[in-house]
Each structure stands twice: as C-alpha cells, then as structure tokens.
N, C-alpha and C. Protein backbone atom coordinates (compact mmCIF):
# COMPACT_ATOMS: atom_id res chain seq x y z
N UNK A 1 82.59 172.93 -13.76
CA UNK A 1 83.33 171.75 -13.36
C UNK A 1 83.60 171.84 -11.86
N UNK A 2 83.22 170.80 -11.12
CA UNK A 2 83.44 170.82 -9.68
C UNK A 2 84.80 170.20 -9.32
N UNK A 3 85.10 170.17 -8.05
CA UNK A 3 86.40 169.68 -7.58
C UNK A 3 86.63 168.21 -7.97
N UNK A 4 85.60 167.39 -7.85
CA UNK A 4 85.74 165.98 -8.22
C UNK A 4 86.03 165.83 -9.70
N UNK A 5 85.33 166.57 -10.53
CA UNK A 5 85.57 166.51 -11.97
C UNK A 5 87.01 166.92 -12.31
N UNK A 6 87.47 167.98 -11.68
CA UNK A 6 88.85 168.43 -11.91
C UNK A 6 89.84 167.37 -11.46
N UNK A 7 89.58 166.75 -10.30
CA UNK A 7 90.46 165.70 -9.78
C UNK A 7 90.53 164.52 -10.76
N UNK A 8 89.37 164.07 -11.21
CA UNK A 8 89.33 162.93 -12.12
C UNK A 8 90.07 163.24 -13.42
N UNK A 9 89.85 164.43 -13.94
CA UNK A 9 90.53 164.84 -15.17
C UNK A 9 92.05 164.83 -14.99
N UNK A 10 92.52 165.42 -13.90
CA UNK A 10 93.95 165.48 -13.63
C UNK A 10 94.53 164.08 -13.35
N UNK A 11 93.78 163.26 -12.61
CA UNK A 11 94.24 161.91 -12.30
C UNK A 11 94.34 161.07 -13.57
N UNK A 12 93.33 161.15 -14.43
CA UNK A 12 93.38 160.41 -15.68
C UNK A 12 94.59 160.83 -16.51
N UNK A 13 94.87 162.11 -16.54
CA UNK A 13 96.04 162.60 -17.27
C UNK A 13 97.33 162.06 -16.65
N UNK A 14 97.44 162.11 -15.34
CA UNK A 14 98.64 161.63 -14.66
C UNK A 14 98.86 160.14 -14.87
N UNK A 15 97.77 159.39 -15.04
CA UNK A 15 97.88 157.94 -15.22
C UNK A 15 97.88 157.52 -16.69
N UNK A 16 97.84 158.49 -17.59
CA UNK A 16 97.83 158.18 -19.01
C UNK A 16 96.52 157.58 -19.49
N UNK A 17 95.43 157.99 -18.85
CA UNK A 17 94.11 157.43 -19.17
C UNK A 17 93.15 158.49 -19.71
N UNK A 18 93.67 159.49 -20.42
CA UNK A 18 92.84 160.58 -20.91
C UNK A 18 91.73 160.08 -21.83
N UNK A 19 91.96 159.00 -22.54
CA UNK A 19 90.96 158.51 -23.50
C UNK A 19 89.95 157.55 -22.87
N UNK A 20 90.05 157.32 -21.58
CA UNK A 20 89.14 156.41 -20.89
C UNK A 20 87.78 157.08 -20.65
N UNK A 21 86.73 156.45 -21.13
CA UNK A 21 85.37 156.93 -20.84
C UNK A 21 85.03 156.43 -19.44
N UNK A 22 84.87 157.34 -18.52
CA UNK A 22 84.71 156.98 -17.12
C UNK A 22 83.32 157.36 -16.62
N UNK A 23 82.61 156.39 -16.07
CA UNK A 23 81.29 156.64 -15.48
C UNK A 23 81.49 156.81 -13.98
N UNK A 24 81.77 158.04 -13.58
CA UNK A 24 82.05 158.34 -12.17
C UNK A 24 80.88 157.95 -11.28
N UNK A 25 79.66 158.22 -11.73
CA UNK A 25 78.48 157.87 -10.94
C UNK A 25 78.38 156.39 -10.65
N UNK A 26 78.67 155.56 -11.64
CA UNK A 26 78.61 154.12 -11.46
C UNK A 26 79.67 153.64 -10.46
N UNK A 27 80.86 154.22 -10.54
CA UNK A 27 81.93 153.84 -9.62
C UNK A 27 81.56 154.25 -8.20
N UNK A 28 81.01 155.45 -8.05
CA UNK A 28 80.61 155.91 -6.73
C UNK A 28 79.45 155.08 -6.18
N UNK A 29 78.54 154.66 -7.04
CA UNK A 29 77.45 153.79 -6.59
C UNK A 29 77.98 152.46 -6.08
N UNK A 30 78.93 151.88 -6.81
CA UNK A 30 79.54 150.62 -6.38
C UNK A 30 80.23 150.81 -5.02
N UNK A 31 80.97 151.89 -4.88
CA UNK A 31 81.66 152.16 -3.61
C UNK A 31 80.65 152.33 -2.47
N UNK A 32 79.54 153.02 -2.76
CA UNK A 32 78.51 153.24 -1.74
C UNK A 32 77.92 151.92 -1.27
N UNK A 33 77.58 151.06 -2.21
CA UNK A 33 77.00 149.76 -1.85
C UNK A 33 77.98 148.95 -1.02
N UNK A 34 79.23 148.91 -1.44
CA UNK A 34 80.24 148.14 -0.69
C UNK A 34 80.43 148.71 0.71
N UNK A 35 80.47 150.04 0.81
CA UNK A 35 80.67 150.68 2.12
C UNK A 35 79.50 150.43 3.06
N UNK A 36 78.28 150.49 2.53
CA UNK A 36 77.10 150.36 3.39
C UNK A 36 76.73 148.92 3.70
N UNK A 37 76.94 148.03 2.75
CA UNK A 37 76.50 146.65 2.95
C UNK A 37 77.58 145.76 3.53
N UNK A 38 78.84 146.12 3.36
CA UNK A 38 79.93 145.29 3.86
C UNK A 38 80.62 146.02 5.00
N UNK A 39 81.42 147.02 4.68
CA UNK A 39 82.17 147.79 5.66
C UNK A 39 82.80 148.96 4.90
N UNK A 40 82.97 150.08 5.55
CA UNK A 40 83.49 151.27 4.85
C UNK A 40 84.78 151.00 4.09
N UNK A 41 85.75 150.31 4.67
CA UNK A 41 86.99 150.06 3.91
C UNK A 41 86.78 149.18 2.67
N UNK A 42 85.63 148.53 2.56
CA UNK A 42 85.36 147.72 1.38
C UNK A 42 85.19 148.57 0.13
N UNK A 43 84.83 149.83 0.28
CA UNK A 43 84.58 150.70 -0.88
C UNK A 43 85.81 150.85 -1.77
N UNK A 44 86.93 151.34 -1.26
CA UNK A 44 88.07 151.49 -2.17
C UNK A 44 88.63 150.15 -2.63
N UNK A 45 88.58 149.16 -1.78
CA UNK A 45 89.09 147.84 -2.18
C UNK A 45 88.25 147.23 -3.29
N UNK A 46 86.94 147.38 -3.19
CA UNK A 46 86.03 146.83 -4.19
C UNK A 46 86.23 147.52 -5.53
N UNK A 47 86.29 148.84 -5.53
CA UNK A 47 86.45 149.55 -6.80
C UNK A 47 87.82 149.25 -7.41
N UNK A 48 88.85 149.13 -6.59
CA UNK A 48 90.17 148.77 -7.10
C UNK A 48 90.14 147.39 -7.74
N UNK A 49 89.57 146.42 -7.05
CA UNK A 49 89.55 145.06 -7.57
C UNK A 49 88.72 144.94 -8.84
N UNK A 50 87.61 145.65 -8.93
CA UNK A 50 86.82 145.65 -10.16
C UNK A 50 87.64 146.24 -11.31
N UNK A 51 88.32 147.34 -11.06
CA UNK A 51 89.16 147.94 -12.09
C UNK A 51 90.31 147.03 -12.50
N UNK A 52 90.92 146.39 -11.53
CA UNK A 52 92.03 145.47 -11.81
C UNK A 52 91.54 144.29 -12.64
N UNK A 53 90.41 143.72 -12.25
CA UNK A 53 89.84 142.59 -12.99
C UNK A 53 89.49 142.99 -14.41
N UNK A 54 88.94 144.19 -14.58
CA UNK A 54 88.59 144.67 -15.92
C UNK A 54 89.84 144.86 -16.76
N UNK A 55 90.89 145.39 -16.16
CA UNK A 55 92.15 145.56 -16.87
C UNK A 55 92.74 144.24 -17.31
N UNK A 56 92.71 143.27 -16.44
CA UNK A 56 93.23 141.94 -16.80
C UNK A 56 92.40 141.30 -17.89
N UNK A 57 91.11 141.43 -17.82
CA UNK A 57 90.22 140.82 -18.81
C UNK A 57 90.33 141.52 -20.16
N UNK A 58 90.61 142.81 -20.13
CA UNK A 58 90.66 143.59 -21.37
C UNK A 58 91.73 143.14 -22.34
N UNK A 59 92.80 142.60 -21.84
CA UNK A 59 93.88 142.17 -22.72
C UNK A 59 93.79 140.74 -23.17
N UNK A 60 92.77 140.03 -22.76
CA UNK A 60 92.70 138.61 -23.06
C UNK A 60 91.67 138.26 -24.12
N UNK A 61 91.00 139.24 -24.68
CA UNK A 61 89.92 138.96 -25.62
C UNK A 61 88.64 138.54 -24.93
N UNK A 62 88.66 138.55 -23.60
CA UNK A 62 87.49 138.20 -22.80
C UNK A 62 86.46 139.32 -22.92
N UNK A 63 85.21 139.01 -23.24
CA UNK A 63 84.21 140.07 -23.44
C UNK A 63 83.68 140.69 -22.15
N UNK A 64 84.22 140.32 -21.02
CA UNK A 64 83.71 140.86 -19.75
C UNK A 64 84.00 142.36 -19.68
N UNK A 65 83.06 143.11 -19.15
CA UNK A 65 83.18 144.56 -19.10
C UNK A 65 83.19 145.05 -17.66
N UNK A 66 83.56 146.30 -17.49
CA UNK A 66 83.51 146.93 -16.18
C UNK A 66 82.09 146.89 -15.63
N UNK A 67 81.11 147.10 -16.51
CA UNK A 67 79.71 147.08 -16.07
C UNK A 67 79.32 145.72 -15.52
N UNK A 68 79.75 144.66 -16.20
CA UNK A 68 79.44 143.30 -15.74
C UNK A 68 80.13 143.02 -14.41
N UNK A 69 81.39 143.38 -14.31
CA UNK A 69 82.12 143.17 -13.06
C UNK A 69 81.54 144.00 -11.92
N UNK A 70 81.16 145.24 -12.20
CA UNK A 70 80.54 146.10 -11.19
C UNK A 70 79.22 145.51 -10.72
N UNK A 71 78.44 144.98 -11.65
CA UNK A 71 77.16 144.36 -11.28
C UNK A 71 77.39 143.15 -10.39
N UNK A 72 78.40 142.36 -10.70
CA UNK A 72 78.71 141.19 -9.86
C UNK A 72 79.12 141.63 -8.45
N UNK A 73 79.99 142.63 -8.39
CA UNK A 73 80.46 143.11 -7.10
C UNK A 73 79.32 143.73 -6.30
N UNK A 74 78.45 144.49 -6.95
CA UNK A 74 77.31 145.10 -6.26
C UNK A 74 76.36 144.03 -5.72
N UNK A 75 76.09 143.03 -6.54
CA UNK A 75 75.20 141.94 -6.11
C UNK A 75 75.79 141.22 -4.90
N UNK A 76 77.08 140.97 -4.93
CA UNK A 76 77.73 140.31 -3.79
C UNK A 76 77.62 141.18 -2.55
N UNK A 77 77.91 142.47 -2.69
CA UNK A 77 77.84 143.38 -1.54
C UNK A 77 76.42 143.49 -0.99
N UNK A 78 75.44 143.57 -1.89
CA UNK A 78 74.05 143.68 -1.44
C UNK A 78 73.58 142.43 -0.71
N UNK A 79 74.11 141.28 -1.08
CA UNK A 79 73.73 140.04 -0.41
C UNK A 79 74.56 139.79 0.84
N UNK A 80 75.60 140.56 1.03
CA UNK A 80 76.54 140.34 2.13
C UNK A 80 75.86 140.41 3.49
N UNK A 81 75.08 141.45 3.72
CA UNK A 81 74.42 141.62 5.01
C UNK A 81 73.43 140.49 5.27
N UNK A 82 72.81 140.00 4.21
CA UNK A 82 71.86 138.92 4.36
C UNK A 82 72.51 137.60 4.73
N UNK A 83 73.75 137.41 4.25
CA UNK A 83 74.42 136.15 4.50
C UNK A 83 75.40 136.19 5.68
N UNK A 84 75.57 137.39 6.25
CA UNK A 84 76.51 137.52 7.37
C UNK A 84 75.98 136.79 8.61
N UNK A 85 76.86 136.08 9.30
CA UNK A 85 76.42 135.40 10.52
C UNK A 85 76.00 136.40 11.59
N UNK A 86 75.05 136.02 12.38
CA UNK A 86 74.61 136.89 13.49
C UNK A 86 75.75 137.01 14.48
N UNK A 87 75.91 138.23 14.99
CA UNK A 87 76.98 138.47 15.97
C UNK A 87 76.46 138.34 17.37
C-alpha cells in the first residue's frame, strides 16, 4: 500500500465513507484532463463539483452516475482548449 492508498483509506474513514467503492484512477484522470486542458486550479474544482453533483443526484432517484458525470466533465475540459478564444 502506497502513501496515496493510505491517505484515501484514512480520508474515507474520517468522512464516514468506508463503504464507498472509489476508482482513484478515474478521479485522477479527470483531474489531469481538467488541469491540462483548462487550468491547473480546475482539477480540484472539477472533481469536487462532479462529486457534489453525484451526491445530489444519488438521493433523488436520478440514475445519473459518477461515471456519467465524469465523462461529461472530461468532454467539456477536452473541448475547452478548442473553444477558447485566441489571446
């Protein structure tokens, strides 16, 4: 177990999320795309907003998943550089 794994395990416990199946690789991929295609500070904001949206949707009977929300956010970030105005 590396430092990141230990951190995630301890953080999940501290937040009462021990039973959460977490795909760390997918979250890091989303953060990477947001950081590289938009701006570095977009990484934590994007992952937070995807998690928040998933949490809100989870209690409403809405079938939207973290994977769907992550895909939407990644697609938006990947298209960001293409749609950005020339400076």
